[in-house]
Amino acid sequence: MHNFRELSVRQKARELNKKIYSLCDTFPDKERFSLCSQMQRASTSIASNIAEWAGRNSPKEFVQFLHIAYGSAFELETQIILSYDLWYVTDKWMKPIVAYLQEIERMIYGLIQHNKKTKK
């Protein structure tokens, strides 16, 4: 079993999840069960898939779950931008959250690359 709790990317993903839930509190009621719900699920997926590998023994499986987390991060980034396009999100929220999310994307990508080299 791997100690996923110590990964800084997992800790950042948990913090991002809190930010997304707070952001969704600012959305109009009509979006709470559609776009907000999708954003919350994508955000939760990032942290969950990073943790999912903990019970796995194979670097290949770890990379697989990292790819899922990576895809969820890009899905979430798109949803935040769409929210901005619809005027549900202001620059005040969007810019720092997207910057934080992009940092997480880079960290996940780095883990993927590192683990691809490790399994060779």
PDB file of N, CA and C in Angstrom:
ATOM      1  N   MET A   1       0.845  -1.196   0.000  1.00  0.00           N
ATOM      2  CA  MET A   1       0.000   0.000   0.000  1.00  0.00           C
ATOM      3  C   MET A   1       0.879   1.244   0.000  1.00  0.00           C
ATOM      4  N   HIS A   2       0.499   2.214  -0.795  1.00  0.00           N
ATOM      5  CA  HIS A   2       1.237   3.461  -0.927  1.00  0.00           C
ATOM      6  C   HIS A   2       0.653   4.518  -0.001  1.00  0.00           C
ATOM      7  N   ASN A   3       1.477   5.444   0.460  1.00  0.00           N
ATOM      8  CA  ASN A   3       0.989   6.499   1.343  1.00  0.00           C
ATOM      9  C   ASN A   3       0.598   7.727   0.521  1.00  0.00           C
ATOM     10  N   PHE A   4      -0.600   7.691  -0.025  1.00  0.00           N
ATOM     11  CA  PHE A   4      -1.104   8.783  -0.851  1.00  0.00           C
ATOM     12  C   PHE A   4      -1.370  10.038  -0.028  1.00  0.00           C
ATOM     13  N   ARG A   5      -1.527   9.893   1.273  1.00  0.00           N
ATOM     14  CA  ARG A   5      -1.859  11.039   2.138  1.00  0.00           C
ATOM     15  C   ARG A   5      -0.757  12.093   2.142  1.00  0.00           C
ATOM     16  N   GLU A   6       0.460  11.679   1.870  1.00  0.00           N
ATOM     17  CA  GLU A   6       1.581  12.611   1.899  1.00  0.00           C
ATOM     18  C   GLU A   6       1.829  13.322   0.568  1.00  0.00           C
ATOM     19  N   LEU A   7       1.140  12.916  -0.471  1.00  0.00           N
ATOM     20  CA  LEU A   7       1.326  13.561  -1.765  1.00  0.00           C
ATOM     21  C   LEU A   7       0.770  14.988  -1.725  1.00  0.00           C
ATOM     22  N   SER A   8       1.603  15.956  -2.061  1.00  0.00           N
ATOM     23  CA  SER A   8       1.133  17.344  -2.038  1.00  0.00           C
ATOM     24  C   SER A   8       0.047  17.583  -3.087  1.00  0.00           C
ATOM     25  N   VAL A   9       0.089  16.858  -4.192  1.00  0.00           N
ATOM     26  CA  VAL A   9      -0.943  17.032  -5.213  1.00  0.00           C
ATOM     27  C   VAL A   9      -2.306  16.582  -4.693  1.00  0.00           C
ATOM     28  N   ARG A  10      -2.327  15.571  -3.865  1.00  0.00           N
ATOM     29  CA  ARG A  10      -3.594  15.128  -3.274  1.00  0.00           C
ATOM     30  C   ARG A  10      -4.110  16.171  -2.291  1.00  0.00           C
ATOM     31  N   GLN A  11      -3.208  16.752  -1.510  1.00  0.00           N
ATOM     32  CA  GLN A  11      -3.610  17.798  -0.568  1.00  0.00           C
ATOM     33  C   GLN A  11      -4.142  19.025  -1.317  1.00  0.00           C
ATOM     34  N   LYS A  12      -3.480  19.375  -2.409  1.00  0.00           N
ATOM     35  CA  LYS A  12      -3.948  20.510  -3.220  1.00  0.00           C
ATOM     36  C   LYS A  12      -5.301  20.203  -3.867  1.00  0.00           C
ATOM     37  N   ALA A  13      -5.492  18.963  -4.291  1.00  0.00           N
ATOM     38  CA  ALA A  13      -6.768  18.568  -4.893  1.00  0.00           C
ATOM     39  C   ALA A  13      -7.905  18.670  -3.874  1.00  0.00           C
ATOM     40  N   ARG A  14      -7.625  18.322  -2.633  1.00  0.00           N
ATOM     41  CA  ARG A  14      -8.637  18.466  -1.577  1.00  0.00           C
ATOM     42  C   ARG A  14      -8.975  19.937  -1.349  1.00  0.00           C
ATOM     43  N   GLU A  15      -7.961  20.783  -1.344  1.00  0.00           N
ATOM     44  CA  GLU A  15      -8.188  22.224  -1.185  1.00  0.00           C
ATOM     45  C   GLU A  15      -8.990  22.771  -2.366  1.00  0.00           C
ATOM     46  N   LEU A  16      -8.657  22.322  -3.571  1.00  0.00           N
ATOM     47  CA  LEU A  16      -9.396  22.736  -4.763  1.00  0.00           C
ATOM     48  C   LEU A  16     -10.867  22.350  -4.628  1.00  0.00           C
ATOM     49  N   ASN A  17     -11.118  21.153  -4.133  1.00  0.00           N
ATOM     50  CA  ASN A  17     -12.495  20.691  -3.967  1.00  0.00           C
ATOM     51  C   ASN A  17     -13.282  21.656  -3.079  1.00  0.00           C
ATOM     52  N   LYS A  18     -12.666  22.111  -1.995  1.00  0.00           N
ATOM     53  CA  LYS A  18     -13.337  23.081  -1.110  1.00  0.00           C
ATOM     54  C   LYS A  18     -13.604  24.389  -1.854  1.00  0.00           C
ATOM     55  N   LYS A  19     -12.647  24.824  -2.665  1.00  0.00           N
ATOM     56  CA  LYS A  19     -12.823  26.064  -3.429  1.00  0.00           C
ATOM     57  C   LYS A  19     -13.987  25.942  -4.421  1.00  0.00           C
ATOM     58  N   ILE A  20     -14.087  24.785  -5.058  1.00  0.00           N
ATOM     59  CA  ILE A  20     -15.160  24.581  -6.035  1.00  0.00           C
ATOM     60  C   ILE A  20     -16.519  24.573  -5.337  1.00  0.00           C
ATOM     61  N   TYR A  21     -16.618  23.927  -4.193  1.00  0.00           N
ATOM     62  CA  TYR A  21     -17.880  23.925  -3.463  1.00  0.00           C
ATOM     63  C   TYR A  21     -18.253  25.347  -3.026  1.00  0.00           C
ATOM     64  N   SER A  22     -17.276  26.131  -2.608  1.00  0.00           N
ATOM     65  CA  SER A  22     -17.545  27.525  -2.235  1.00  0.00           C
ATOM     66  C   SER A  22     -17.966  28.340  -3.450  1.00  0.00           C
ATOM     67  N   LEU A  23     -17.293  28.109  -4.573  1.00  0.00           N
ATOM     68  CA  LEU A  23     -17.649  28.803  -5.807  1.00  0.00           C
ATOM     69  C   LEU A  23     -19.084  28.484  -6.200  1.00  0.00           C
ATOM     70  N   CYS A  24     -19.457  27.238  -6.101  1.00  0.00           N
ATOM     71  CA  CYS A  24     -20.809  26.831  -6.492  1.00  0.00           C
ATOM     72  C   CYS A  24     -21.886  27.465  -5.611  1.00  0.00           C
ATOM     73  N   ASP A  25     -21.529  27.828  -4.400  1.00  0.00           N
ATOM     74  CA  ASP A  25     -22.475  28.527  -3.526  1.00  0.00           C
ATOM     75  C   ASP A  25     -22.868  29.887  -4.092  1.00  0.00           C
ATOM     76  N   THR A  26     -22.070  30.420  -5.007  1.00  0.00           N
ATOM     77  CA  THR A  26     -22.361  31.733  -5.591  1.00  0.00           C
ATOM     78  C   THR A  26     -23.198  31.627  -6.864  1.00  0.00           C
ATOM     79  N   PHE A  27     -23.411  30.433  -7.372  1.00  0.00           N
ATOM     80  CA  PHE A  27     -24.151  30.238  -8.622  1.00  0.00           C
ATOM     81  C   PHE A  27     -25.650  30.461  -8.399  1.00  0.00           C
ATOM     82  N   PRO A  28     -26.348  30.817  -9.478  1.00  0.00           N
ATOM     83  CA  PRO A  28     -27.809  30.918  -9.365  1.00  0.00           C
ATOM     84  C   PRO A  28     -28.407  29.533  -9.095  1.00  0.00           C
ATOM     85  N   ASP A  29     -29.538  29.521  -8.449  1.00  0.00           N
ATOM     86  CA  ASP A  29     -30.189  28.254  -8.084  1.00  0.00           C
ATOM     87  C   ASP A  29     -30.394  27.337  -9.285  1.00  0.00           C
ATOM     88  N   LYS A  30     -30.706  27.901 -10.440  1.00  0.00           N
ATOM     89  CA  LYS A  30     -30.992  27.071 -11.620  1.00  0.00           C
ATOM     90  C   LYS A  30     -29.781  26.260 -12.078  1.00  0.00           C
ATOM     91  N   GLU A  31     -28.577  26.638 -11.654  1.00  0.00           N
ATOM     92  CA  GLU A  31     -27.374  25.918 -12.059  1.00  0.00           C
ATOM     93  C   GLU A  31     -26.845  24.959 -10.997  1.00  0.00           C
ATOM     94  N   ARG A  32     -27.442  24.936  -9.854  1.00  0.00           N
ATOM     95  CA  ARG A  32     -26.922  24.109  -8.752  1.00  0.00           C
ATOM     96  C   ARG A  32     -26.951  22.616  -9.068  1.00  0.00           C
ATOM     97  N   PHE A  33     -27.895  22.181  -9.888  1.00  0.00           N
ATOM     98  CA  PHE A  33     -28.018  20.747 -10.166  1.00  0.00           C
ATOM     99  C   PHE A  33     -27.555  20.382 -11.568  1.00  0.00           C
ATOM    100  N   SER A  34     -26.952  21.318 -12.261  1.00  0.00           N
ATOM    101  CA  SER A  34     -26.432  20.979 -13.582  1.00  0.00           C
ATOM    102  C   SER A  34     -24.937  21.284 -13.633  1.00  0.00           C
ATOM    103  N   LEU A  35     -24.569  22.483 -14.034  1.00  0.00           N
ATOM    104  CA  LEU A  35     -23.154  22.820 -14.182  1.00  0.00           C
ATOM    105  C   LEU A  35     -22.401  22.703 -12.853  1.00  0.00           C
ATOM    106  N   CYS A  36     -23.000  23.181 -11.783  1.00  0.00           N
ATOM    107  CA  CYS A  36     -22.359  23.080 -10.457  1.00  0.00           C
ATOM    108  C   CYS A  36     -22.135  21.634 -10.065  1.00  0.00           C
ATOM    109  N   SER A  37     -23.118  20.828 -10.268  1.00  0.00           N
ATOM    110  CA  SER A  37     -23.000  19.421  -9.925  1.00  0.00           C
ATOM    111  C   SER A  37     -21.876  18.759 -10.716  1.00  0.00           C
ATOM    112  N   GLN A  38     -21.761  19.080 -11.993  1.00  0.00           N
ATOM    113  CA  GLN A  38     -20.680  18.535 -12.816  1.00  0.00           C
ATOM    114  C   GLN A  38     -19.320  19.001 -12.315  1.00  0.00           C
ATOM    115  N   MET A  39     -19.228  20.266 -11.939  1.00  0.00           N
ATOM    116  CA  MET A  39     -17.969  20.808 -11.435  1.00  0.00           C
ATOM    117  C   MET A  39     -17.577  20.120 -10.131  1.00  0.00           C
ATOM    118  N   GLN A  40     -18.541  19.917  -9.261  1.00  0.00           N
ATOM    119  CA  GLN A  40     -18.262  19.263  -7.982  1.00  0.00           C
ATOM    120  C   GLN A  40     -17.814  17.817  -8.193  1.00  0.00           C
ATOM    121  N   ARG A  41     -18.459  17.120  -9.123  1.00  0.00           N
ATOM    122  CA  ARG A  41     -18.066  15.734  -9.406  1.00  0.00           C
ATOM    123  C   ARG A  41     -16.670  15.667 -10.016  1.00  0.00           C
ATOM    124  N   ALA A  42     -16.356  16.569 -10.940  1.00  0.00           N
ATOM    125  CA  ALA A  42     -15.022  16.576 -11.551  1.00  0.00           C
ATOM    126  C   ALA A  42     -13.956  16.887 -10.515  1.00  0.00           C
ATOM    127  N   SER A  43     -14.243  17.842  -9.662  1.00  0.00           N
ATOM    128  CA  SER A  43     -13.305  18.216  -8.607  1.00  0.00           C
ATOM    129  C   SER A  43     -13.063  17.054  -7.646  1.00  0.00           C
ATOM    130  N   THR A  44     -14.132  16.391  -7.257  1.00  0.00           N
ATOM    131  CA  THR A  44     -14.023  15.244  -6.368  1.00  0.00           C
ATOM    132  C   THR A  44     -13.260  14.110  -7.042  1.00  0.00           C
ATOM    133  N   SER A  45     -13.449  13.950  -8.327  1.00  0.00           N
ATOM    134  CA  SER A  45     -12.779  12.898  -9.089  1.00  0.00           C
ATOM    135  C   SER A  45     -11.261  13.062  -9.089  1.00  0.00           C
ATOM    136  N   ILE A  46     -10.792  14.285  -9.114  1.00  0.00           N
ATOM    137  CA  ILE A  46      -9.346  14.526  -9.124  1.00  0.00           C
ATOM    138  C   ILE A  46      -8.720  13.930  -7.862  1.00  0.00           C
ATOM    139  N   ALA A  47      -9.213  14.341  -6.713  1.00  0.00           N
ATOM    140  CA  ALA A  47      -8.664  13.854  -5.446  1.00  0.00           C
ATOM    141  C   ALA A  47      -8.898  12.358  -5.277  1.00  0.00           C
ATOM    142  N   SER A  48     -10.062  11.886  -5.666  1.00  0.00           N
ATOM    143  CA  SER A  48     -10.407  10.472  -5.486  1.00  0.00           C
ATOM    144  C   SER A  48      -9.520   9.561  -6.321  1.00  0.00           C
ATOM    145  N   ASN A  49      -9.249   9.941  -7.551  1.00  0.00           N
ATOM    146  CA  ASN A  49      -8.431   9.089  -8.411  1.00  0.00           C
ATOM    147  C   ASN A  49      -6.963   9.123  -8.037  1.00  0.00           C
ATOM    148  N   ILE A  50      -6.510  10.220  -7.463  1.00  0.00           N
ATOM    149  CA  ILE A  50      -5.141  10.241  -6.936  1.00  0.00           C
ATOM    150  C   ILE A  50      -5.045   9.253  -5.772  1.00  0.00           C
ATOM    151  N   ALA A  51      -6.080   9.212  -4.951  1.00  0.00           N
ATOM    152  CA  ALA A  51      -6.083   8.306  -3.800  1.00  0.00           C
ATOM    153  C   ALA A  51      -6.338   6.853  -4.202  1.00  0.00           C
ATOM    154  N   GLU A  52      -7.028   6.648  -5.287  1.00  0.00           N
ATOM    155  CA  GLU A  52      -7.439   5.301  -5.713  1.00  0.00           C
ATOM    156  C   GLU A  52      -6.256   4.349  -5.872  1.00  0.00           C
ATOM    157  N   TRP A  53      -5.141   4.864  -6.283  1.00  0.00           N
ATOM    158  CA  TRP A  53      -3.973   4.010  -6.525  1.00  0.00           C
ATOM    159  C   TRP A  53      -3.404   3.409  -5.249  1.00  0.00           C
ATOM    160  N   ALA A  54      -3.788   3.942  -4.083  1.00  0.00           N
ATOM    161  CA  ALA A  54      -3.189   3.511  -2.812  1.00  0.00           C
ATOM    162  C   ALA A  54      -3.317   2.008  -2.585  1.00  0.00           C
ATOM    163  N   GLY A  55      -4.394   1.427  -3.019  1.00  0.00           N
ATOM    164  CA  GLY A  55      -4.590   0.002  -2.834  1.00  0.00           C
ATOM    165  C   GLY A  55      -4.025  -0.836  -3.962  1.00  0.00           C
ATOM    166  N   ARG A  56      -3.359  -0.200  -4.889  1.00  0.00           N
ATOM    167  CA  ARG A  56      -2.816  -0.903  -6.060  1.00  0.00           C
ATOM    168  C   ARG A  56      -1.319  -1.107  -5.890  1.00  0.00           C
ATOM    169  N   ASN A  57      -0.802  -2.110  -6.551  1.00  0.00           N
ATOM    170  CA  ASN A  57       0.618  -2.417  -6.432  1.00  0.00           C
ATOM    171  C   ASN A  57       1.420  -2.072  -7.676  1.00  0.00           C
ATOM    172  N   SER A  58       0.743  -1.766  -8.731  1.00  0.00           N
ATOM    173  CA  SER A  58       1.412  -1.609 -10.011  1.00  0.00           C
ATOM    174  C   SER A  58       1.557  -0.134 -10.406  1.00  0.00           C
ATOM    175  N   PRO A  59       2.757   0.268 -10.857  1.00  0.00           N
ATOM    176  CA  PRO A  59       2.929   1.632 -11.380  1.00  0.00           C
ATOM    177  C   PRO A  59       2.020   1.886 -12.579  1.00  0.00           C
ATOM    178  N   LYS A  60       1.751   0.835 -13.369  1.00  0.00           N
ATOM    179  CA  LYS A  60       0.863   0.987 -14.526  1.00  0.00           C
ATOM    180  C   LYS A  60      -0.541   1.389 -14.075  1.00  0.00           C
ATOM    181  N   GLU A  61      -1.033   0.759 -12.999  1.00  0.00           N
ATOM    182  CA  GLU A  61      -2.348   1.117 -12.477  1.00  0.00           C
ATOM    183  C   GLU A  61      -2.339   2.537 -11.909  1.00  0.00           C
ATOM    184  N   PHE A  62      -1.246   2.922 -11.254  1.00  0.00           N
ATOM    185  CA  PHE A  62      -1.127   4.281 -10.724  1.00  0.00           C
ATOM    186  C   PHE A  62      -1.249   5.290 -11.858  1.00  0.00           C
ATOM    187  N   VAL A  63      -0.538   5.047 -12.946  1.00  0.00           N
ATOM    188  CA  VAL A  63      -0.581   5.956 -14.094  1.00  0.00           C
ATOM    189  C   VAL A  63      -1.996   6.016 -14.668  1.00  0.00           C
ATOM    190  N   GLN A  64      -2.679   4.878 -14.696  1.00  0.00           N
ATOM    191  CA  GLN A  64      -4.051   4.849 -15.200  1.00  0.00           C
ATOM    192  C   GLN A  64      -4.950   5.783 -14.388  1.00  0.00           C
ATOM    193  N   PHE A  65      -4.857   5.710 -13.063  1.00  0.00           N
ATOM    194  CA  PHE A  65      -5.690   6.569 -12.218  1.00  0.00           C
ATOM    195  C   PHE A  65      -5.255   8.031 -12.305  1.00  0.00           C
ATOM    196  N   LEU A  66      -3.958   8.267 -12.487  1.00  0.00           N
ATOM    197  CA  LEU A  66      -3.488   9.637 -12.682  1.00  0.00           C
ATOM    198  C   LEU A  66      -4.044  10.224 -13.976  1.00  0.00           C
ATOM    199  N   HIS A  67      -4.139   9.412 -15.003  1.00  0.00           N
ATOM    200  CA  HIS A  67      -4.719   9.886 -16.268  1.00  0.00           C
ATOM    201  C   HIS A  67      -6.187  10.269 -16.084  1.00  0.00           C
ATOM    202  N   ILE A  68      -6.896   9.499 -15.291  1.00  0.00           N
ATOM    203  CA  ILE A  68      -8.310   9.835 -15.021  1.00  0.00           C
ATOM    204  C   ILE A  68      -8.384  11.160 -14.261  1.00  0.00           C
ATOM    205  N   ALA A  69      -7.537  11.330 -13.246  1.00  0.00           N
ATOM    206  CA  ALA A  69      -7.501  12.587 -12.485  1.00  0.00           C
ATOM    207  C   ALA A  69      -7.143  13.751 -13.400  1.00  0.00           C
ATOM    208  N   TYR A  70      -6.183  13.523 -14.293  1.00  0.00           N
ATOM    209  CA  TYR A  70      -5.733  14.552 -15.232  1.00  0.00           C
ATOM    210  C   TYR A  70      -6.879  14.974 -16.158  1.00  0.00           C
ATOM    211  N   GLY A  71      -7.614  13.988 -16.665  1.00  0.00           N
ATOM    212  CA  GLY A  71      -8.776  14.291 -17.510  1.00  0.00           C
ATOM    213  C   GLY A  71      -9.845  15.053 -16.752  1.00  0.00           C
ATOM    214  N   SER A  72     -10.076  14.677 -15.510  1.00  0.00           N
ATOM    215  CA  SER A  72     -11.069  15.384 -14.685  1.00  0.00           C
ATOM    216  C   SER A  72     -10.648  16.820 -14.435  1.00  0.00           C
ATOM    217  N   ALA A  73      -9.341  17.059 -14.306  1.00  0.00           N
ATOM    218  CA  ALA A  73      -8.843  18.418 -14.092  1.00  0.00           C
ATOM    219  C   ALA A  73      -9.133  19.291 -15.312  1.00  0.00           C
ATOM    220  N   PHE A  74      -8.914  18.748 -16.506  1.00  0.00           N
ATOM    221  CA  PHE A  74      -9.202  19.522 -17.715  1.00  0.00           C
ATOM    222  C   PHE A  74     -10.701  19.700 -17.921  1.00  0.00           C
ATOM    223  N   GLU A  75     -11.469  18.696 -17.545  1.00  0.00           N
ATOM    224  CA  GLU A  75     -12.918  18.824 -17.585  1.00  0.00           C
ATOM    225  C   GLU A  75     -13.363  19.967 -16.672  1.00  0.00           C
ATOM    226  N   LEU A  76     -12.833  19.999 -15.462  1.00  0.00           N
ATOM    227  CA  LEU A  76     -13.184  21.045 -14.507  1.00  0.00           C
ATOM    228  C   LEU A  76     -12.755  22.419 -15.015  1.00  0.00           C
ATOM    229  N   GLU A  77     -11.564  22.510 -15.580  1.00  0.00           N
ATOM    230  CA  GLU A  77     -11.104  23.797 -16.107  1.00  0.00           C
ATOM    231  C   GLU A  77     -12.066  24.310 -17.179  1.00  0.00           C
ATOM    232  N   THR A  78     -12.519  23.419 -18.044  1.00  0.00           N
ATOM    233  CA  THR A  78     -13.478  23.803 -19.089  1.00  0.00           C
ATOM    234  C   THR A  78     -14.789  24.269 -18.471  1.00  0.00           C
ATOM    235  N   GLN A  79     -15.252  23.587 -17.456  1.00  0.00           N
ATOM    236  CA  GLN A  79     -16.507  23.959 -16.812  1.00  0.00           C
ATOM    237  C   GLN A  79     -16.401  25.316 -16.115  1.00  0.00           C
ATOM    238  N   ILE A  80     -15.254  25.606 -15.544  1.00  0.00           N
ATOM    239  CA  ILE A  80     -15.056  26.922 -14.917  1.00  0.00           C
ATOM    240  C   ILE A  80     -15.080  28.006 -15.988  1.00  0.00           C
ATOM    241  N   ILE A  81     -14.432  27.754 -17.104  1.00  0.00           N
ATOM    242  CA  ILE A  81     -14.416  28.732 -18.202  1.00  0.00           C
ATOM    243  C   ILE A  81     -15.828  28.925 -18.763  1.00  0.00           C
ATOM    244  N   LEU A  82     -16.564  27.834 -18.910  1.00  0.00           N
ATOM    245  CA  LEU A  82     -17.955  27.952 -19.365  1.00  0.00           C
ATOM    246  C   LEU A  82     -18.788  28.770 -18.377  1.00  0.00           C
ATOM    247  N   SER A  83     -18.547  28.567 -17.102  1.00  0.00           N
ATOM    248  CA  SER A  83     -19.246  29.340 -16.073  1.00  0.00           C
ATOM    249  C   SER A  83     -18.920  30.821 -16.192  1.00  0.00           C
ATOM    250  N   TYR A  84     -17.684  31.107 -16.508  1.00  0.00           N
ATOM    251  CA  TYR A  84     -17.257  32.492 -16.728  1.00  0.00           C
ATOM    252  C   TYR A  84     -17.965  33.070 -17.961  1.00  0.00           C
ATOM    253  N   ASP A  85     -18.007  32.274 -19.032  1.00  0.00           N
ATOM    254  CA  ASP A  85     -18.679  32.709 -20.266  1.00  0.00           C
ATOM    255  C   ASP A  85     -20.156  33.027 -20.030  1.00  0.00           C
ATOM    256  N   LEU A  86     -20.760  32.291 -19.084  1.00  0.00           N
ATOM    257  CA  LEU A  86     -22.183  32.495 -18.763  1.00  0.00           C
ATOM    258  C   LEU A  86     -22.390  33.551 -17.683  1.00  0.00           C
ATOM    259  N   TRP A  87     -21.316  34.161 -17.251  1.00  0.00           N
ATOM    260  CA  TRP A  87     -21.322  35.222 -16.233  1.00  0.00           C
ATOM    261  C   TRP A  87     -21.706  34.727 -14.842  1.00  0.00           C
ATOM    262  N   TYR A  88     -21.503  33.449 -14.591  1.00  0.00           N
ATOM    263  CA  TYR A  88     -21.738  32.906 -13.251  1.00  0.00           C
ATOM    264  C   TYR A  88     -20.511  33.080 -12.368  1.00  0.00           C
ATOM    265  N   VAL A  89     -19.367  33.251 -13.015  1.00  0.00           N
ATOM    266  CA  VAL A  89     -18.098  33.369 -12.312  1.00  0.00           C
ATOM    267  C   VAL A  89     -17.424  34.661 -12.752  1.00  0.00           C
ATOM    268  N   THR A  90     -16.916  35.412 -11.795  1.00  0.00           N
ATOM    269  CA  THR A  90     -16.201  36.644 -12.105  1.00  0.00           C
ATOM    270  C   THR A  90     -14.699  36.366 -12.165  1.00  0.00           C
ATOM    271  N   ASP A  91     -13.961  37.344 -12.672  1.00  0.00           N
ATOM    272  CA  ASP A  91     -12.493  37.236 -12.695  1.00  0.00           C
ATOM    273  C   ASP A  91     -11.938  36.979 -11.300  1.00  0.00           C
ATOM    274  N   LYS A  92     -12.585  37.579 -10.311  1.00  0.00           N
ATOM    275  CA  LYS A  92     -12.131  37.432  -8.918  1.00  0.00           C
ATOM    276  C   LYS A  92     -12.048  35.959  -8.514  1.00  0.00           C
ATOM    277  N   TRP A  93     -13.003  35.158  -8.953  1.00  0.00           N
ATOM    278  CA  TRP A  93     -13.003  33.730  -8.642  1.00  0.00           C
ATOM    279  C   TRP A  93     -12.210  32.931  -9.675  1.00  0.00           C
ATOM    280  N   MET A  94     -12.464  33.233 -10.952  1.00  0.00           N
ATOM    281  CA  MET A  94     -11.942  32.382 -12.015  1.00  0.00           C
ATOM    282  C   MET A  94     -10.416  32.344 -12.067  1.00  0.00           C
ATOM    283  N   LYS A  95      -9.783  33.500 -12.097  1.00  0.00           N
ATOM    284  CA  LYS A  95      -8.329  33.530 -12.295  1.00  0.00           C
ATOM    285  C   LYS A  95      -7.555  32.759 -11.231  1.00  0.00           C
ATOM    286  N   PRO A  96      -7.817  32.979  -9.934  1.00  0.00           N
ATOM    287  CA  PRO A  96      -7.050  32.215  -8.942  1.00  0.00           C
ATOM    288  C   PRO A  96      -7.373  30.716  -8.943  1.00  0.00           C
ATOM    289  N   ILE A  97      -8.622  30.362  -9.180  1.00  0.00           N
ATOM    290  CA  ILE A  97      -8.976  28.940  -9.176  1.00  0.00           C
ATOM    291  C   ILE A  97      -8.362  28.241 -10.385  1.00  0.00           C
ATOM    292  N   VAL A  98      -8.430  28.868 -11.545  1.00  0.00           N
ATOM    293  CA  VAL A  98      -7.833  28.257 -12.737  1.00  0.00           C
ATOM    294  C   VAL A  98      -6.319  28.143 -12.572  1.00  0.00           C
ATOM    295  N   ALA A  99      -5.684  29.157 -12.011  1.00  0.00           N
ATOM    296  CA  ALA A  99      -4.235  29.086 -11.779  1.00  0.00           C
ATOM    297  C   ALA A  99      -3.899  27.942 -10.823  1.00  0.00           C
ATOM    298  N   TYR A 100      -4.683  27.795  -9.773  1.00  0.00           N
ATOM    299  CA  TYR A 100      -4.481  26.717  -8.803  1.00  0.00           C
ATOM    300  C   TYR A 100      -4.695  25.358  -9.472  1.00  0.00           C
ATOM    301  N   LEU A 101      -5.739  25.260 -10.273  1.00  0.00           N
ATOM    302  CA  LEU A 101      -6.047  24.025 -10.989  1.00  0.00           C
ATOM    303  C   LEU A 101      -4.932  23.680 -11.977  1.00  0.00           C
ATOM    304  N   GLN A 102      -4.410  24.678 -12.677  1.00  0.00           N
ATOM    305  CA  GLN A 102      -3.324  24.425 -13.627  1.00  0.00           C
ATOM    306  C   GLN A 102      -2.061  23.944 -12.915  1.00  0.00           C
ATOM    307  N   GLU A 103      -1.832  24.415 -11.712  1.00  0.00           N
ATOM    308  CA  GLU A 103      -0.710  23.914 -10.921  1.00  0.00           C
ATOM    309  C   GLU A 103      -0.912  22.421 -10.616  1.00  0.00           C
ATOM    310  N   ILE A 104      -2.124  22.050 -10.264  1.00  0.00           N
ATOM    311  CA  ILE A 104      -2.445  20.648 -10.003  1.00  0.00           C
ATOM    312  C   ILE A 104      -2.271  19.823 -11.278  1.00  0.00           C
ATOM    313  N   GLU A 105      -2.711  20.352 -12.412  1.00  0.00           N
ATOM    314  CA  GLU A 105      -2.537  19.651 -13.688  1.00  0.00           C
ATOM    315  C   GLU A 105      -1.063  19.386 -13.968  1.00  0.00           C
ATOM    316  N   ARG A 106      -0.220  20.382 -13.725  1.00  0.00           N
ATOM    317  CA  ARG A 106       1.227  20.193 -13.937  1.00  0.00           C
ATOM    318  C   ARG A 106       1.798  19.136 -12.995  1.00  0.00           C
ATOM    319  N   MET A 107       1.333  19.147 -11.756  1.00  0.00           N
ATOM    320  CA  MET A 107       1.813  18.161 -10.784  1.00  0.00           C
ATOM    321  C   MET A 107       1.396  16.740 -11.188  1.00  0.00           C
ATOM    322  N   ILE A 108       0.159  16.595 -11.622  1.00  0.00           N
ATOM    323  CA  ILE A 108      -0.309  15.274 -12.065  1.00  0.00           C
ATOM    324  C   ILE A 108       0.490  14.826 -13.279  1.00  0.00           C
ATOM    325  N   TYR A 109       0.688  15.735 -14.228  1.00  0.00           N
ATOM    326  CA  TYR A 109       1.463  15.400 -15.428  1.00  0.00           C
ATOM    327  C   TYR A 109       2.881  14.963 -15.040  1.00  0.00           C
ATOM    328  N   GLY A 110       3.476  15.661 -14.109  1.00  0.00           N
ATOM    329  CA  GLY A 110       4.811  15.296 -13.637  1.00  0.00           C
ATOM    330  C   GLY A 110       4.831  13.908 -13.013  1.00  0.00           C
ATOM    331  N   LEU A 111       3.813  13.585 -12.223  1.00  0.00           N
ATOM    332  CA  LEU A 111       3.719  12.244 -11.630  1.00  0.00           C
ATOM    333  C   LEU A 111       3.549  11.172 -12.705  1.00  0.00           C
ATOM    334  N   ILE A 112       2.751  11.480 -13.713  1.00  0.00           N
ATOM    335  CA  ILE A 112       2.564  10.526 -14.816  1.00  0.00           C
ATOM    336  C   ILE A 112       3.905  10.262 -15.495  1.00  0.00           C
ATOM    337  N   GLN A 113       4.615  11.330 -15.838  1.00  0.00           N
ATOM    338  CA  GLN A 113       5.909  11.178 -16.517  1.00  0.00           C
ATOM    339  C   GLN A 113       6.907  10.422 -15.650  1.00  0.00           C
ATOM    340  N   HIS A 114       6.957  10.757 -14.371  1.00  0.00           N
ATOM    341  CA  HIS A 114       7.879  10.091 -13.448  1.00  0.00           C
ATOM    342  C   HIS A 114       7.579   8.591 -13.358  1.00  0.00           C
ATOM    343  N   ASN A 115       6.300   8.261 -13.238  1.00  0.00           N
ATOM    344  CA  ASN A 115       5.934   6.855 -13.085  1.00  0.00           C
ATOM    345  C   ASN A 115       6.048   6.076 -14.393  1.00  0.00           C
ATOM    346  N   LYS A 116       5.935   6.731 -15.518  1.00  0.00           N
ATOM    347  CA  LYS A 116       6.182   6.068 -16.798  1.00  0.00           C
ATOM    348  C   LYS A 116       7.655   5.669 -16.895  1.00  0.00           C
ATOM    349  N   LYS A 117       8.540   6.563 -16.454  1.00  0.00           N
ATOM    350  CA  LYS A 117       9.978   6.263 -16.477  1.00  0.00           C
ATOM    351  C   LYS A 117      10.323   5.163 -15.470  1.00  0.00           C
ATOM    352  N   THR A 118       9.654   5.160 -14.317  1.00  0.00           N
ATOM    353  CA  THR A 118       9.912   4.202 -13.258  1.00  0.00           C
ATOM    354  C   THR A 118       9.565   2.779 -13.694  1.00  0.00           C
ATOM    355  N   LYS A 119       8.487   2.627 -14.444  1.00  0.00           N
ATOM    356  CA  LYS A 119       8.043   1.272 -14.784  1.00  0.00           C
ATOM    357  C   LYS A 119       8.831   0.662 -15.926  1.00  0.00           C
ATOM    358  N   LYS A 120       9.652   1.453 -16.602  1.00  0.00           N
ATOM    359  CA  LYS A 120      10.445   0.917 -17.720  1.00  0.00           C
ATOM    360  C   LYS A 120      11.575   0.068 -17.215  1.00  0.00           C
TER     361      LYS A 120
END
